[in-house]
Protein backbone atom coordinates (compact mmCIF):
# COMPACT_ATOMS: atom_id res chain seq x y z
CA UNK A 1 -21.88 -19.31 -110.64
CA UNK A 2 -18.22 -18.42 -110.62
CA UNK A 3 -18.20 -17.45 -106.96
CA UNK A 4 -16.38 -19.82 -104.66
CA UNK A 5 -19.61 -20.09 -102.72
CA UNK A 6 -22.62 -21.06 -104.86
CA UNK A 7 -24.75 -18.54 -102.98
CA UNK A 8 -26.93 -16.08 -104.91
CA UNK A 9 -27.98 -14.05 -101.86
CA UNK A 10 -26.69 -12.81 -98.51
CA UNK A 11 -29.01 -11.79 -95.68
CA UNK A 12 -27.50 -9.33 -93.20
CA UNK A 13 -29.06 -7.09 -90.53
CA UNK A 14 -29.76 -3.59 -91.82
CA UNK A 15 -27.50 -0.70 -90.92
CA UNK A 16 -23.79 -0.97 -90.14
CA UNK A 17 -23.62 -4.76 -90.68
CA UNK A 18 -25.22 -4.46 -94.13
CA UNK A 19 -22.82 -1.66 -95.04
CA UNK A 20 -19.80 -3.70 -93.91
CA UNK A 21 -20.82 -6.65 -96.10
CA UNK A 22 -21.38 -4.34 -99.09
CA UNK A 23 -17.93 -2.79 -98.56
CA UNK A 24 -16.40 -6.25 -98.48
CA UNK A 25 -18.09 -7.21 -101.74
CA UNK A 26 -16.90 -3.98 -103.38
CA UNK A 27 -13.38 -5.44 -103.18
CA UNK A 28 -14.43 -8.56 -105.10
CA UNK A 29 -13.97 -8.75 -108.88
CA UNK A 30 -15.96 -11.94 -109.43
CA UNK A 31 -19.78 -11.90 -109.77
CA UNK A 32 -21.39 -10.75 -106.53
CA UNK A 33 -24.41 -12.17 -104.70
CA UNK A 34 -27.50 -10.10 -103.98
CA UNK A 35 -27.31 -8.52 -100.50
CA UNK A 36 -30.60 -8.08 -98.68
CA UNK A 37 -30.82 -5.93 -95.52
CA UNK A 38 -33.03 -7.68 -92.99
CA UNK A 39 -34.80 -6.41 -89.85
CA UNK A 40 -33.38 -7.04 -86.37
CA UNK A 41 -35.08 -9.63 -84.19
CA UNK A 42 -36.83 -12.98 -84.41
CA UNK A 43 -40.41 -11.90 -85.14
CA UNK A 44 -39.61 -9.00 -87.51
CA UNK A 45 -37.34 -11.27 -89.56
CA UNK A 46 -39.90 -14.08 -89.59
CA UNK A 47 -42.52 -11.72 -91.04
CA UNK A 48 -40.04 -10.36 -93.57
CA UNK A 49 -38.96 -13.80 -94.79
CA UNK A 50 -42.52 -15.09 -95.09
CA UNK A 51 -43.09 -12.42 -97.76
CA UNK A 52 -39.97 -13.25 -99.78
CA UNK A 53 -41.44 -16.16 -101.82
CA UNK A 54 -43.97 -13.69 -103.31
CA UNK A 55 -41.15 -11.35 -104.34
CA UNK A 56 -39.00 -14.09 -105.84
CA UNK A 57 -35.41 -13.03 -105.11
CA UNK A 58 -33.07 -16.01 -104.59
CA UNK A 59 -35.98 -18.51 -104.56
CA UNK A 60 -35.89 -18.54 -108.37
CA UNK A 61 -32.95 -20.96 -108.30
CA UNK A 62 -33.73 -24.64 -108.75
CA UNK A 63 -31.69 -25.28 -105.59
CA UNK A 64 -31.95 -21.98 -103.69
CA UNK A 65 -29.22 -21.10 -101.19
CA UNK A 66 -28.62 -18.19 -98.86
CA UNK A 67 -25.87 -17.07 -96.50
CA UNK A 68 -26.76 -15.22 -93.29
CA UNK A 69 -24.00 -12.89 -92.11
CA UNK A 70 -23.62 -10.30 -89.35
CA UNK A 71 -22.40 -9.75 -85.80
CA UNK A 72 -23.11 -11.80 -82.68
CA UNK A 73 -22.32 -11.90 -78.98
CA UNK A 74 -20.10 -14.38 -77.20
CA UNK A 75 -21.51 -16.69 -74.52
CA UNK A 76 -18.16 -18.32 -73.83
CA UNK A 77 -14.79 -17.11 -72.52
CA UNK A 78 -13.22 -19.11 -75.35
CA UNK A 79 -14.62 -16.74 -78.03
CA UNK A 80 -13.46 -13.12 -78.10
CA UNK A 81 -14.32 -9.94 -79.97
CA UNK A 82 -13.27 -10.22 -83.61
CA UNK A 83 -13.54 -14.01 -83.75
CA UNK A 84 -15.27 -15.46 -86.82
CA UNK A 85 -17.79 -18.25 -86.23
CA UNK A 86 -19.54 -20.66 -88.57
CA UNK A 87 -22.79 -22.08 -87.21
CA UNK A 88 -23.47 -25.79 -87.40
CA UNK A 89 -26.88 -25.43 -85.71
CA UNK A 90 -28.99 -22.93 -83.83
CA UNK A 91 -31.15 -23.12 -80.71
CA UNK A 92 -34.12 -20.80 -80.13
CA UNK A 93 -34.62 -19.37 -76.65
CA UNK A 94 -37.94 -17.61 -76.18
CA UNK A 95 -39.59 -15.98 -73.20
CA UNK A 96 -42.89 -17.33 -74.53
CA UNK A 97 -41.89 -20.99 -74.88
CA UNK A 98 -41.25 -23.53 -72.14
CA UNK A 99 -38.92 -25.56 -74.37
CA UNK A 100 -35.99 -24.81 -76.66
CA UNK A 101 -36.07 -25.57 -80.39
CA UNK A 102 -33.21 -26.61 -82.68
CA UNK A 103 -32.46 -26.10 -86.38
CA UNK A 104 -29.38 -27.31 -88.27
CA UNK A 105 -27.57 -25.37 -90.98
CA UNK A 106 -27.11 -26.85 -94.44
CA UNK A 107 -24.20 -29.29 -94.16
CA UNK A 108 -22.86 -28.83 -97.72
CA UNK A 109 -22.73 -25.02 -97.53
CA UNK A 110 -21.33 -25.14 -94.02
CA UNK A 111 -18.52 -27.44 -95.17
CA UNK A 112 -17.68 -25.03 -98.00
CA UNK A 113 -17.48 -22.17 -95.51
CA UNK A 114 -15.23 -24.10 -93.16
CA UNK A 115 -12.91 -25.12 -96.01
CA UNK A 116 -12.63 -21.53 -97.21
CA UNK A 117 -12.10 -19.94 -93.80
CA UNK A 118 -10.03 -22.79 -92.31
CA UNK A 119 -8.33 -21.72 -89.07
CA UNK A 120 -9.84 -18.23 -89.27
CA UNK A 121 -13.20 -19.49 -88.00
CA UNK A 122 -14.60 -21.61 -85.18
CA UNK A 123 -17.43 -24.11 -85.64
CA UNK A 124 -20.18 -23.30 -83.11
CA UNK A 125 -23.66 -23.95 -81.83
CA UNK A 126 -25.51 -20.65 -81.72
CA UNK A 127 -28.42 -19.37 -79.65
CA UNK A 128 -31.12 -17.10 -81.07
CA UNK A 129 -32.99 -15.03 -78.51
CA UNK A 130 -36.22 -13.07 -78.99
CA UNK A 131 -34.77 -10.30 -76.80
CA UNK A 132 -31.51 -8.46 -76.39
CA UNK A 133 -29.12 -10.28 -74.02
CA UNK A 134 -27.10 -7.52 -72.36
CA UNK A 135 -26.14 -8.96 -68.96
CA UNK A 136 -22.84 -10.84 -68.65
CA UNK A 137 -24.40 -13.01 -65.94
CA UNK A 138 -27.24 -14.01 -68.24
CA UNK A 139 -24.83 -14.68 -71.10
CA UNK A 140 -22.94 -17.15 -68.92
CA UNK A 141 -26.20 -18.75 -67.77
CA UNK A 142 -27.66 -19.14 -71.27
CA UNK A 143 -24.42 -20.51 -72.68
CA UNK A 144 -24.39 -23.25 -70.09
CA UNK A 145 -28.14 -23.88 -70.17
CA UNK A 146 -28.31 -24.44 -73.93
CA UNK A 147 -24.70 -25.58 -74.49
CA UNK A 148 -24.18 -22.69 -76.92
CA UNK A 149 -21.20 -20.43 -77.61
CA UNK A 150 -22.68 -17.35 -79.32
CA UNK A 151 -25.99 -15.46 -79.36
CA UNK A 152 -27.90 -13.53 -82.02
CA UNK A 153 -31.49 -12.39 -82.66
CA UNK A 154 -32.11 -13.67 -86.21
CA UNK A 155 -30.41 -17.01 -86.92
CA UNK A 156 -33.13 -19.45 -85.91
CA UNK A 157 -35.84 -17.45 -87.73
CA UNK A 158 -33.88 -17.63 -90.98
CA UNK A 159 -33.28 -21.36 -90.60
CA UNK A 160 -36.88 -22.13 -89.71
CA UNK A 161 -38.65 -20.12 -92.41
CA UNK A 162 -36.20 -20.66 -95.27
CA UNK A 163 -35.60 -24.36 -94.61
CA UNK A 164 -39.37 -24.93 -94.75
CA UNK A 165 -39.33 -23.15 -98.15
CA UNK A 166 -36.61 -25.49 -99.42
CA UNK A 167 -33.76 -22.99 -99.14
CA UNK A 168 -30.33 -24.17 -97.97
CA UNK A 169 -29.04 -21.82 -95.24
CA UNK A 170 -25.55 -21.36 -93.80
CA UNK A 171 -24.40 -18.76 -91.27
CA UNK A 172 -21.18 -16.82 -90.68
CA UNK A 173 -20.95 -14.20 -87.94
CA UNK A 174 -18.31 -12.13 -86.21
CA UNK A 175 -18.26 -11.62 -82.43
CA UNK A 176 -18.64 -7.97 -81.41
CA UNK A 177 -19.12 -8.33 -77.63
CA UNK A 178 -17.52 -10.74 -75.18
CA UNK A 179 -19.05 -12.82 -72.41
CA UNK A 180 -17.32 -10.96 -69.56
CA UNK A 181 -18.94 -7.52 -69.70
CA UNK A 182 -22.43 -6.06 -69.67
CA UNK A 183 -23.84 -4.27 -72.71
CA UNK A 184 -26.02 -1.18 -72.45
CA UNK A 185 -29.68 -2.14 -72.17
CA UNK A 186 -30.85 -1.04 -75.63
CA UNK A 187 -34.05 -3.07 -75.69
CA UNK A 188 -36.15 0.09 -76.08
CA UNK A 189 -34.11 1.08 -79.14
CA UNK A 190 -35.37 -1.87 -81.22
CA UNK A 191 -38.74 -1.09 -82.81
CA UNK A 192 -41.45 -3.73 -83.41
CA UNK A 193 -40.55 -3.74 -87.12
CA UNK A 194 -36.91 -4.57 -86.39
CA UNK A 195 -35.33 -1.17 -87.00
CA UNK A 196 -33.21 0.90 -84.60
CA UNK A 197 -34.77 3.98 -83.02
CA UNK A 198 -32.13 6.76 -82.87
CA UNK A 199 -33.37 8.61 -79.78
CA UNK A 200 -33.85 5.58 -77.47
CA UNK A 201 -30.52 4.27 -78.77
CA UNK A 202 -28.74 7.49 -77.84
CA UNK A 203 -30.43 7.64 -74.43
CA UNK A 204 -29.49 4.04 -73.66
CA UNK A 205 -25.86 4.74 -74.51
CA UNK A 206 -25.77 7.93 -72.43
CA UNK A 207 -27.16 6.16 -69.35
CA UNK A 208 -24.36 3.56 -69.43
CA UNK A 209 -21.31 5.32 -70.91
CA UNK A 210 -18.68 2.73 -69.97
CA UNK A 211 -20.70 -0.15 -71.39
CA UNK A 212 -21.56 1.99 -74.42
CA UNK A 213 -17.90 2.75 -75.13
CA UNK A 214 -17.07 -0.95 -74.90
CA UNK A 215 -19.97 -1.77 -77.25
CA UNK A 216 -18.85 0.78 -79.83
CA UNK A 217 -15.25 -0.43 -79.78
CA UNK A 218 -16.35 -4.05 -80.14
CA UNK A 219 -18.74 -3.20 -82.96
CA UNK A 220 -16.05 -1.30 -84.87
CA UNK A 221 -13.67 -4.25 -84.57
CA UNK A 222 -16.38 -6.75 -85.47
CA UNK A 223 -17.50 -4.78 -88.52
CA UNK A 224 -13.94 -4.50 -89.78
CA UNK A 225 -13.55 -8.28 -89.59
CA UNK A 226 -17.00 -8.82 -91.15
CA UNK A 227 -15.93 -6.71 -94.12
CA UNK A 228 -12.70 -8.66 -94.64
CA UNK A 229 -14.41 -12.05 -94.21
CA UNK A 230 -16.99 -11.12 -96.85
CA UNK A 231 -14.24 -10.22 -99.30
CA UNK A 232 -12.41 -13.47 -98.55
CA UNK A 233 -15.47 -15.67 -98.99
CA UNK A 234 -16.43 -14.32 -102.39
CA UNK A 235 -12.99 -13.80 -103.91
CA UNK A 236 -11.78 -16.28 -106.48
């Protein structure tokens, strides 16, 4: 491939994050990777990925590779909204497990990402949660408990399922909420299939207007950076 990154496919959460990545790629003249919108959350993504080998997609390559992109939350005061992070590994925190699990990202792809982004990105250990982490107090607690700097809801699932299928996985995310402030509790807005439910989403935002305003501002900033990072990564 003529892309800087030898990656035939990008996985990115459906909705605004997917749209931001597509906008970034629209600015690229070189051949573009396939972009697949994925469901939100650990279990919905696990089910989705387990069906991918039947559909083919990027698994047709002799050495299949995939890049996971999107937004994430900060667990550390050292990482602010708009910061770009490259994962080196990911811990899974589950309400159903008494122990944490660890998966490492592909070292070759991760090195390529770091070389391309240079000082624009931080190298981090991420946490994947099976639930939305909206409390600043819990963010601080989880960051210290698992020695992690950022949190998402999909990273570990992608690493676990795809690595077992022989796919090399690397991850780049942009921070959209800091570790100092609470988010609105939007747990009810995430459906079992990993999509957002508009009415519960709106109600959750209305109940906590200050936190909702902060979330929207952070998301807008994060999406803008996600778009520009995508363009940078896949430009010649």
